[in-house]
Amino acid sequence: MDDTQRMMMAQALRTIADSLLVPVSLATRIPAPAVQAFVEGSATGAVEAGKARKRKTSAYAREYKRSFKRTAPKYKLKNGSWKKDGFKRAVREAHRITRAKRGKGRGR
């Protein structure tokens, strides 16, 4: 889609939006710009509400990440790809190291 098509599409959408906002404005006796601002604000708020919040990374996950980064090279080939069952073994070893560092039943 080139710039002229985008401009035409934007103009068409503005026309549709105006045709929807004017009757609402007349029926409610609220100025059209105020209705438009309300609709735009509502749409923006709905998008924000739909986004998931970022969760704080747990201490275990941070420690596991460090352990995995330290152990992964042992299970990789020189070209950087994984050895046979290397990823699975690296994950297990990283979990084992992490559990040992943090203590077996800690945090439960």
C-alpha atoms as a PDB file:
ATOM      1  CA  MET A   1       0.000   0.000   0.000  1.00  0.00           C
ATOM      2  CA  ASP A   2       1.596   3.291  -1.085  1.00  0.00           C
ATOM      3  CA  ASP A   3       1.190   6.739   0.493  1.00  0.00           C
ATOM      4  CA  THR A   4      -1.698   7.871  -1.719  1.00  0.00           C
ATOM      5  CA  GLN A   5      -3.698   4.745  -0.867  1.00  0.00           C
ATOM      6  CA  ARG A   6      -3.012   5.281   2.843  1.00  0.00           C
ATOM      7  CA  MET A   7      -4.155   8.890   2.607  1.00  0.00           C
ATOM      8  CA  MET A   8      -7.341   7.851   0.805  1.00  0.00           C
ATOM      9  CA  MET A   9      -8.018   5.146   3.406  1.00  0.00           C
ATOM     10  CA  ALA A  10      -7.460   7.612   6.253  1.00  0.00           C
ATOM     11  CA  GLN A  11      -9.823  10.116   4.622  1.00  0.00           C
ATOM     12  CA  ALA A  12     -12.486   7.430   4.195  1.00  0.00           C
ATOM     13  CA  LEU A  13     -12.181   6.413   7.850  1.00  0.00           C
ATOM     14  CA  ARG A  14     -12.429  10.042   8.984  1.00  0.00           C
ATOM     15  CA  THR A  15     -15.580  10.473   6.887  1.00  0.00           C
ATOM     16  CA  ILE A  16     -17.156   7.377   8.439  1.00  0.00           C
ATOM     17  CA  ALA A  17     -16.206   8.526  11.944  1.00  0.00           C
ATOM     18  CA  ASP A  18     -17.669  11.986  11.348  1.00  0.00           C
ATOM     19  CA  SER A  19     -20.897  10.508  10.001  1.00  0.00           C
ATOM     20  CA  LEU A  20     -21.221   8.471  13.211  1.00  0.00           C
ATOM     21  CA  LEU A  21     -20.281  11.276  15.611  1.00  0.00           C
ATOM     22  CA  VAL A  22     -22.535  14.034  14.232  1.00  0.00           C
ATOM     23  CA  PRO A  23     -25.879  12.274  15.005  1.00  0.00           C
ATOM     24  CA  VAL A  24     -24.654  11.421  18.506  1.00  0.00           C
ATOM     25  CA  SER A  25     -23.607  15.025  18.994  1.00  0.00           C
ATOM     26  CA  LEU A  26     -27.008  16.313  17.862  1.00  0.00           C
ATOM     27  CA  ALA A  27     -28.967  13.805  19.968  1.00  0.00           C
ATOM     28  CA  THR A  28     -27.029  14.486  23.155  1.00  0.00           C
ATOM     29  CA  ARG A  29     -26.470  18.216  22.506  1.00  0.00           C
ATOM     30  CA  ILE A  30     -22.795  17.755  23.264  1.00  0.00           C
ATOM     31  CA  PRO A  31     -20.359  19.526  20.910  1.00  0.00           C
ATOM     32  CA  ALA A  32     -18.936  17.192  18.246  1.00  0.00           C
ATOM     33  CA  PRO A  33     -15.285  17.735  19.311  1.00  0.00           C
ATOM     34  CA  ALA A  34     -16.177  16.697  22.874  1.00  0.00           C
ATOM     35  CA  VAL A  35     -17.896  13.531  21.637  1.00  0.00           C
ATOM     36  CA  GLN A  36     -14.894  12.769  19.426  1.00  0.00           C
ATOM     37  CA  ALA A  37     -12.471  13.275  22.319  1.00  0.00           C
ATOM     38  CA  PHE A  38     -14.581  10.992  24.520  1.00  0.00           C
ATOM     39  CA  VAL A  39     -14.664   8.234  21.881  1.00  0.00           C
ATOM     40  CA  GLU A  40     -10.923   8.468  21.228  1.00  0.00           C
ATOM     41  CA  GLY A  41     -10.203   8.410  24.960  1.00  0.00           C
ATOM     42  CA  SER A  42     -12.463   5.392  25.459  1.00  0.00           C
ATOM     43  CA  ALA A  43     -10.781   3.494  22.639  1.00  0.00           C
ATOM     44  CA  THR A  44      -7.326   4.273  24.004  1.00  0.00           C
ATOM     45  CA  GLY A  45      -8.378   3.218  27.501  1.00  0.00           C
ATOM     46  CA  ALA A  46      -9.797  -0.056  26.179  1.00  0.00           C
ATOM     47  CA  VAL A  47      -6.531  -0.841  24.413  1.00  0.00           C
ATOM     48  CA  GLU A  48      -4.547  -0.090  27.567  1.00  0.00           C
ATOM     49  CA  ALA A  49      -6.900  -2.226  29.679  1.00  0.00           C
ATOM     50  CA  GLY A  50      -6.514  -5.132  27.262  1.00  0.00           C
ATOM     51  CA  LYS A  51      -2.728  -5.224  27.592  1.00  0.00           C
ATOM     52  CA  ALA A  52      -1.313  -7.656  30.122  1.00  0.00           C
ATOM     53  CA  ARG A  53       0.738  -6.246  32.972  1.00  0.00           C
ATOM     54  CA  LYS A  54       4.378  -7.202  33.215  1.00  0.00           C
ATOM     55  CA  ARG A  55       5.021  -9.495  36.142  1.00  0.00           C
ATOM     56  CA  LYS A  56       8.060  -9.214  38.356  1.00  0.00           C
ATOM     57  CA  THR A  57      10.639 -11.902  37.646  1.00  0.00           C
ATOM     58  CA  SER A  58      10.992 -14.272  40.589  1.00  0.00           C
ATOM     59  CA  ALA A  59      14.309 -14.707  42.359  1.00  0.00           C
ATOM     60  CA  TYR A  60      14.354 -18.365  41.270  1.00  0.00           C
ATOM     61  CA  ALA A  61      13.911 -17.418  37.607  1.00  0.00           C
ATOM     62  CA  ARG A  62      16.736 -14.883  37.797  1.00  0.00           C
ATOM     63  CA  GLU A  63      19.061 -17.422  39.432  1.00  0.00           C
ATOM     64  CA  TYR A  64      18.033 -20.119  36.923  1.00  0.00           C
ATOM     65  CA  LYS A  65      18.813 -17.753  34.051  1.00  0.00           C
ATOM     66  CA  ARG A  66      22.332 -17.213  35.400  1.00  0.00           C
ATOM     67  CA  SER A  67      22.869 -20.944  35.931  1.00  0.00           C
ATOM     68  CA  PHE A  68      21.614 -21.795  32.449  1.00  0.00           C
ATOM     69  CA  LYS A  69      23.901 -19.239  30.808  1.00  0.00           C
ATOM     70  CA  ARG A  70      26.873 -20.723  32.690  1.00  0.00           C
ATOM     71  CA  THR A  71      26.080 -24.362  31.870  1.00  0.00           C
ATOM     72  CA  ALA A  72      24.791 -24.070  28.276  1.00  0.00           C
ATOM     73  CA  PRO A  73      28.220 -23.855  26.575  1.00  0.00           C
ATOM     74  CA  LYS A  74      29.100 -27.341  27.895  1.00  0.00           C
ATOM     75  CA  TYR A  75      26.230 -28.781  25.865  1.00  0.00           C
ATOM     76  CA  LYS A  76      26.852 -26.909  22.620  1.00  0.00           C
ATOM     77  CA  LEU A  77      29.025 -27.671  19.633  1.00  0.00           C
ATOM     78  CA  LYS A  78      31.763 -25.363  18.363  1.00  0.00           C
ATOM     79  CA  ASN A  79      29.405 -23.873  15.781  1.00  0.00           C
ATOM     80  CA  GLY A  80      26.922 -22.890  18.516  1.00  0.00           C
ATOM     81  CA  SER A  81      24.233 -25.496  17.846  1.00  0.00           C
ATOM     82  CA  TRP A  82      23.098 -27.890  20.569  1.00  0.00           C
ATOM     83  CA  LYS A  83      24.624 -31.344  21.006  1.00  0.00           C
ATOM     84  CA  LYS A  84      22.261 -34.316  21.006  1.00  0.00           C
ATOM     85  CA  ASP A  85      19.907 -33.873  24.010  1.00  0.00           C
ATOM     86  CA  GLY A  86      22.113 -30.925  24.985  1.00  0.00           C
ATOM     87  CA  PHE A  87      19.320 -28.454  25.666  1.00  0.00           C
ATOM     88  CA  LYS A  88      17.451 -30.924  27.869  1.00  0.00           C
ATOM     89  CA  ARG A  89      20.606 -31.705  29.844  1.00  0.00           C
ATOM     90  CA  ALA A  90      21.521 -28.028  30.196  1.00  0.00           C
ATOM     91  CA  VAL A  91      18.042 -27.268  31.559  1.00  0.00           C
ATOM     92  CA  ARG A  92      18.260 -30.100  34.076  1.00  0.00           C
ATOM     93  CA  GLU A  93      21.708 -29.088  35.253  1.00  0.00           C
ATOM     94  CA  ALA A  94      20.710 -25.427  35.550  1.00  0.00           C
ATOM     95  CA  HIS A  95      17.682 -26.393  37.666  1.00  0.00           C
ATOM     96  CA  ARG A  96      19.844 -28.681  39.804  1.00  0.00           C
ATOM     97  CA  ILE A  97      22.402 -25.898  40.400  1.00  0.00           C
ATOM     98  CA  THR A  98      19.680 -23.362  41.144  1.00  0.00           C
ATOM     99  CA  ARG A  99      17.950 -25.630  43.650  1.00  0.00           C
ATOM    100  CA  ALA A 100      21.277 -26.321  45.348  1.00  0.00           C
ATOM    101  CA  LYS A 101      22.092 -22.619  45.611  1.00  0.00           C
ATOM    102  CA  ARG A 102      18.681 -21.587  46.905  1.00  0.00           C
ATOM    103  CA  GLY A 103      18.144 -24.533  49.243  1.00  0.00           C
ATOM    104  CA  LYS A 104      15.706 -27.337  48.490  1.00  0.00           C
ATOM    105  CA  GLY A 105      12.548 -26.225  50.347  1.00  0.00           C
ATOM    106  CA  ARG A 106      13.240 -22.502  50.490  1.00  0.00           C
ATOM    107  CA  GLY A 107      10.470 -20.174  49.405  1.00  0.00           C
ATOM    108  CA  ARG A 108       7.632 -22.682  49.581  1.00  0.00           C
END
